[in-house]
Amino acid sequence: MSEDQTQLPDSENPHAAEFAVLEALRAENESLKDQRLRALAEAENIRRRAEKEKADASQYAVTKFARDMVGIADNFARALAAVPGPVREAADPQLKAVLDGVEATDRQLMQTLERYGVKAVDVSGKFDPNLHQAIAEVPGMGKAAGSIVDVVQSGFMIGDRLLRPAMVTVAKNEVPAAAAGVDSKV
């Protein structure tokens, strides 16, 4: 293009219409590139979301079944707790065989649950309202206030979700006699 053509007013420039069309095409091209990039990003987000939903569905598909199975595990634990250690040792061989079978079945059930991502809730240490359900507050017997004293029913997690909270008793904050307004010289 010569200098005379670029300095002419638009009405006198014979290529002005072509330049306008070229600029419009460039703007449309940029707009289409932006739309394409946004569509690709949206497709990638949908793909990731679908993968996560698929993983969650496979991990948590056994939730209802697992709830029923932990009830069975509770019954095995109750059956084993009903026969204290000294009675087991003094029991006749047939009763020992039955107890050994119950213990083996309980172990196998717990191993199977773990294989499918169901694990017992940790009950050591402090009470956590996200994992435990306090059913009573009892004297601590040397444990710090808020510590778990006894487990009434085991809790379970499936993956990172709570399947059932552990039912526990918690050590209460023991108030010293002097702080409670009781005179110790009575």
Protein backbone atom coordinates (compact mmCIF):
# COMPACT_ATOMS: atom_id res chain seq x y z
CA MET A 1 0.00 0.00 0.00
CA SER A 2 1.37 3.44 -0.86
CA GLU A 3 1.50 6.42 1.47
CA ASP A 4 -1.07 8.37 -0.58
CA GLN A 5 -3.71 5.70 0.01
CA THR A 6 -3.22 5.58 3.79
CA GLN A 7 -3.50 9.35 4.14
CA LEU A 8 -6.66 9.75 2.12
CA PRO A 9 -9.92 10.18 4.05
CA ASP A 10 -12.03 7.00 4.33
CA SER A 11 -14.44 8.18 1.66
CA GLU A 12 -11.55 8.67 -0.77
CA ASN A 13 -9.56 5.55 0.24
CA PRO A 14 -10.48 2.77 -2.16
CA HIS A 15 -9.48 0.05 0.37
CA ALA A 16 -11.38 1.45 3.42
CA ALA A 17 -14.21 -1.05 3.06
CA GLU A 18 -11.72 -3.90 2.85
CA PHE A 19 -9.93 -2.69 6.00
CA ALA A 20 -13.24 -2.47 7.85
CA VAL A 21 -14.13 -6.01 6.81
CA LEU A 22 -10.66 -7.22 7.86
CA GLU A 23 -11.00 -5.59 11.31
CA ALA A 24 -14.47 -7.08 11.75
CA LEU A 25 -13.11 -10.52 10.85
CA ARG A 26 -10.24 -10.11 13.33
CA ALA A 27 -12.67 -9.15 16.11
CA GLU A 28 -14.92 -12.09 15.25
CA ASN A 29 -11.88 -14.41 15.22
CA GLU A 30 -10.85 -13.24 18.73
CA SER A 31 -14.42 -13.68 19.96
CA LEU A 32 -14.59 -17.22 18.56
CA LYS A 33 -11.22 -18.11 20.13
CA ASP A 34 -12.49 -16.90 23.50
CA GLN A 35 -15.74 -18.88 23.15
CA ARG A 36 -13.77 -22.00 22.15
CA LEU A 37 -11.47 -21.72 25.18
CA ARG A 38 -14.44 -21.24 27.51
CA ALA A 39 -16.23 -24.25 25.99
CA LEU A 40 -13.10 -26.40 26.42
CA ALA A 41 -12.74 -25.31 30.03
CA GLU A 42 -16.41 -26.06 30.72
CA ALA A 43 -16.08 -29.51 29.11
CA GLU A 44 -13.02 -30.24 31.28
CA ASN A 45 -14.91 -29.14 34.42
CA ILE A 46 -17.83 -31.41 33.51
CA ARG A 47 -15.45 -34.32 32.91
CA ARG A 48 -13.75 -33.81 36.31
CA ARG A 49 -17.10 -33.49 38.09
CA ALA A 50 -18.35 -36.70 36.44
CA GLU A 51 -15.19 -38.56 37.49
CA LYS A 52 -15.60 -37.36 41.10
CA GLU A 53 -19.28 -38.34 41.15
CA LYS A 54 -18.40 -41.76 39.74
CA ALA A 55 -15.70 -42.28 42.39
CA ASP A 56 -18.07 -41.15 45.16
CA ALA A 57 -20.85 -43.39 43.86
CA SER A 58 -18.56 -46.41 43.84
CA GLN A 59 -17.09 -45.62 47.27
CA TYR A 60 -20.40 -44.91 48.99
CA ALA A 61 -22.63 -47.37 47.09
CA VAL A 62 -22.46 -49.84 49.95
CA THR A 63 -23.62 -47.35 52.59
CA LYS A 64 -27.06 -48.88 53.26
CA PHE A 65 -25.66 -52.39 53.22
CA ALA A 66 -22.81 -51.33 55.54
CA ARG A 67 -25.29 -49.84 58.04
CA ASP A 68 -27.05 -53.18 58.22
CA MET A 69 -23.77 -55.06 58.55
CA VAL A 70 -22.47 -52.94 61.46
CA GLY A 71 -25.63 -53.94 63.32
CA ILE A 72 -24.58 -57.55 62.89
CA ALA A 73 -21.08 -56.66 64.09
CA ASP A 74 -22.68 -55.15 67.21
CA ASN A 75 -24.47 -58.42 67.91
CA PHE A 76 -21.23 -60.38 67.60
CA ALA A 77 -19.52 -57.95 70.00
CA ARG A 78 -22.39 -58.31 72.49
CA ALA A 79 -22.24 -62.11 72.26
CA LEU A 80 -18.50 -62.11 72.95
CA ALA A 81 -18.83 -59.60 75.80
CA ALA A 82 -21.50 -61.75 77.45
CA VAL A 83 -18.93 -64.45 78.21
CA PRO A 84 -16.15 -62.98 80.39
CA GLY A 85 -12.57 -64.29 80.17
CA PRO A 86 -12.60 -66.49 83.33
CA VAL A 87 -15.81 -68.22 82.21
CA ARG A 88 -14.25 -68.91 78.80
CA GLU A 89 -11.21 -70.52 80.35
CA ALA A 90 -13.34 -72.74 82.59
CA ALA A 91 -15.85 -73.61 79.84
CA ASP A 92 -16.12 -77.04 78.35
CA PRO A 93 -14.50 -77.67 74.95
CA GLN A 94 -17.77 -77.42 73.04
CA LEU A 95 -18.54 -73.94 74.39
CA LYS A 96 -14.95 -72.87 73.67
CA ALA A 97 -15.37 -74.08 70.08
CA VAL A 98 -18.56 -72.04 69.69
CA LEU A 99 -16.89 -68.93 71.14
CA ASP A 100 -13.87 -69.42 68.87
CA GLY A 101 -16.25 -69.65 65.89
CA VAL A 102 -18.05 -66.45 66.93
CA GLU A 103 -14.70 -64.64 67.33
CA ALA A 104 -13.51 -65.86 63.92
CA THR A 105 -16.77 -64.77 62.28
CA ASP A 106 -16.54 -61.37 63.98
CA ARG A 107 -12.95 -60.89 62.77
CA GLN A 108 -13.87 -61.91 59.23
CA LEU A 109 -16.85 -59.52 59.20
CA MET A 110 -14.68 -56.62 60.39
CA GLN A 111 -11.99 -57.43 57.78
CA THR A 112 -14.62 -57.55 55.04
CA LEU A 113 -16.07 -54.20 56.13
CA GLU A 114 -12.58 -52.67 56.08
CA ARG A 115 -11.96 -54.04 52.60
CA TYR A 116 -14.99 -52.03 51.45
CA GLY A 117 -13.85 -48.84 53.18
CA VAL A 118 -15.82 -49.19 56.43
CA LYS A 119 -13.65 -48.53 59.47
CA ALA A 120 -14.31 -48.17 63.18
CA VAL A 121 -14.36 -44.63 64.60
CA ASP A 122 -11.39 -43.82 66.83
CA VAL A 123 -12.56 -43.59 70.44
CA SER A 124 -9.23 -42.91 72.10
CA GLY A 125 -8.76 -39.48 73.57
CA LYS A 126 -11.13 -36.52 73.61
CA PHE A 127 -14.81 -36.44 72.72
CA ASP A 128 -15.40 -35.19 69.15
CA PRO A 129 -19.04 -34.28 68.41
CA ASN A 130 -18.39 -34.95 64.72
CA LEU A 131 -17.56 -38.61 65.44
CA HIS A 132 -19.08 -39.41 68.83
CA GLN A 133 -22.48 -39.22 70.45
CA ALA A 134 -22.29 -38.61 74.19
CA ILE A 135 -25.00 -40.57 75.98
CA ALA A 136 -23.90 -39.75 79.52
CA GLU A 137 -21.47 -37.64 81.48
CA VAL A 138 -19.81 -39.64 84.24
CA PRO A 139 -17.09 -39.05 86.86
CA GLY A 140 -13.75 -39.09 85.09
CA MET A 141 -11.98 -41.59 87.35
CA GLY A 142 -8.69 -39.82 86.77
CA LYS A 143 -9.40 -38.87 83.14
CA ALA A 144 -9.50 -35.27 81.98
CA ALA A 145 -12.87 -33.60 81.47
CA GLY A 146 -14.17 -34.28 77.97
CA SER A 147 -12.27 -37.57 77.64
CA ILE A 148 -14.07 -40.70 76.56
CA VAL A 149 -14.56 -43.00 79.55
CA ASP A 150 -16.46 -45.90 78.00
CA VAL A 151 -17.75 -46.97 74.57
CA VAL A 152 -21.34 -48.20 74.64
CA GLN A 153 -21.61 -48.81 70.88
CA SER A 154 -18.87 -48.62 68.25
CA GLY A 155 -19.08 -46.01 65.52
CA PHE A 156 -18.12 -46.46 61.89
CA MET A 157 -16.88 -44.37 58.96
CA ILE A 158 -17.19 -45.17 55.29
CA GLY A 159 -14.46 -43.37 53.42
CA ASP A 160 -14.39 -39.91 54.95
CA ARG A 161 -18.09 -39.88 55.87
CA LEU A 162 -19.60 -40.86 59.20
CA LEU A 163 -21.74 -43.97 58.85
CA ARG A 164 -22.73 -44.12 62.52
CA PRO A 165 -21.37 -42.15 65.50
CA ALA A 166 -19.80 -43.99 68.41
CA MET A 167 -22.01 -43.87 71.49
CA VAL A 168 -19.77 -42.97 74.42
CA THR A 169 -19.77 -41.82 78.00
CA VAL A 170 -17.68 -38.74 78.66
CA ALA A 171 -15.76 -37.63 81.75
CA LYS A 172 -17.44 -34.66 83.34
CA ASN A 173 -15.65 -31.66 84.73
CA GLU A 174 -15.34 -32.50 88.40
CA VAL A 175 -15.77 -29.46 90.62
CA PRO A 176 -13.50 -29.46 93.67
CA ALA A 177 -15.39 -29.44 96.99
CA ALA A 178 -14.05 -25.98 97.95
CA ALA A 179 -15.21 -24.48 94.64
CA ALA A 180 -18.66 -26.02 95.02
CA GLY A 181 -19.18 -24.08 98.29
CA VAL A 182 -18.86 -27.12 100.51
CA ASP A 183 -16.73 -26.65 103.61
CA SER A 184 -14.35 -29.57 103.95
CA LYS A 185 -14.12 -29.10 107.79
CA VAL A 186 -17.70 -30.08 108.47
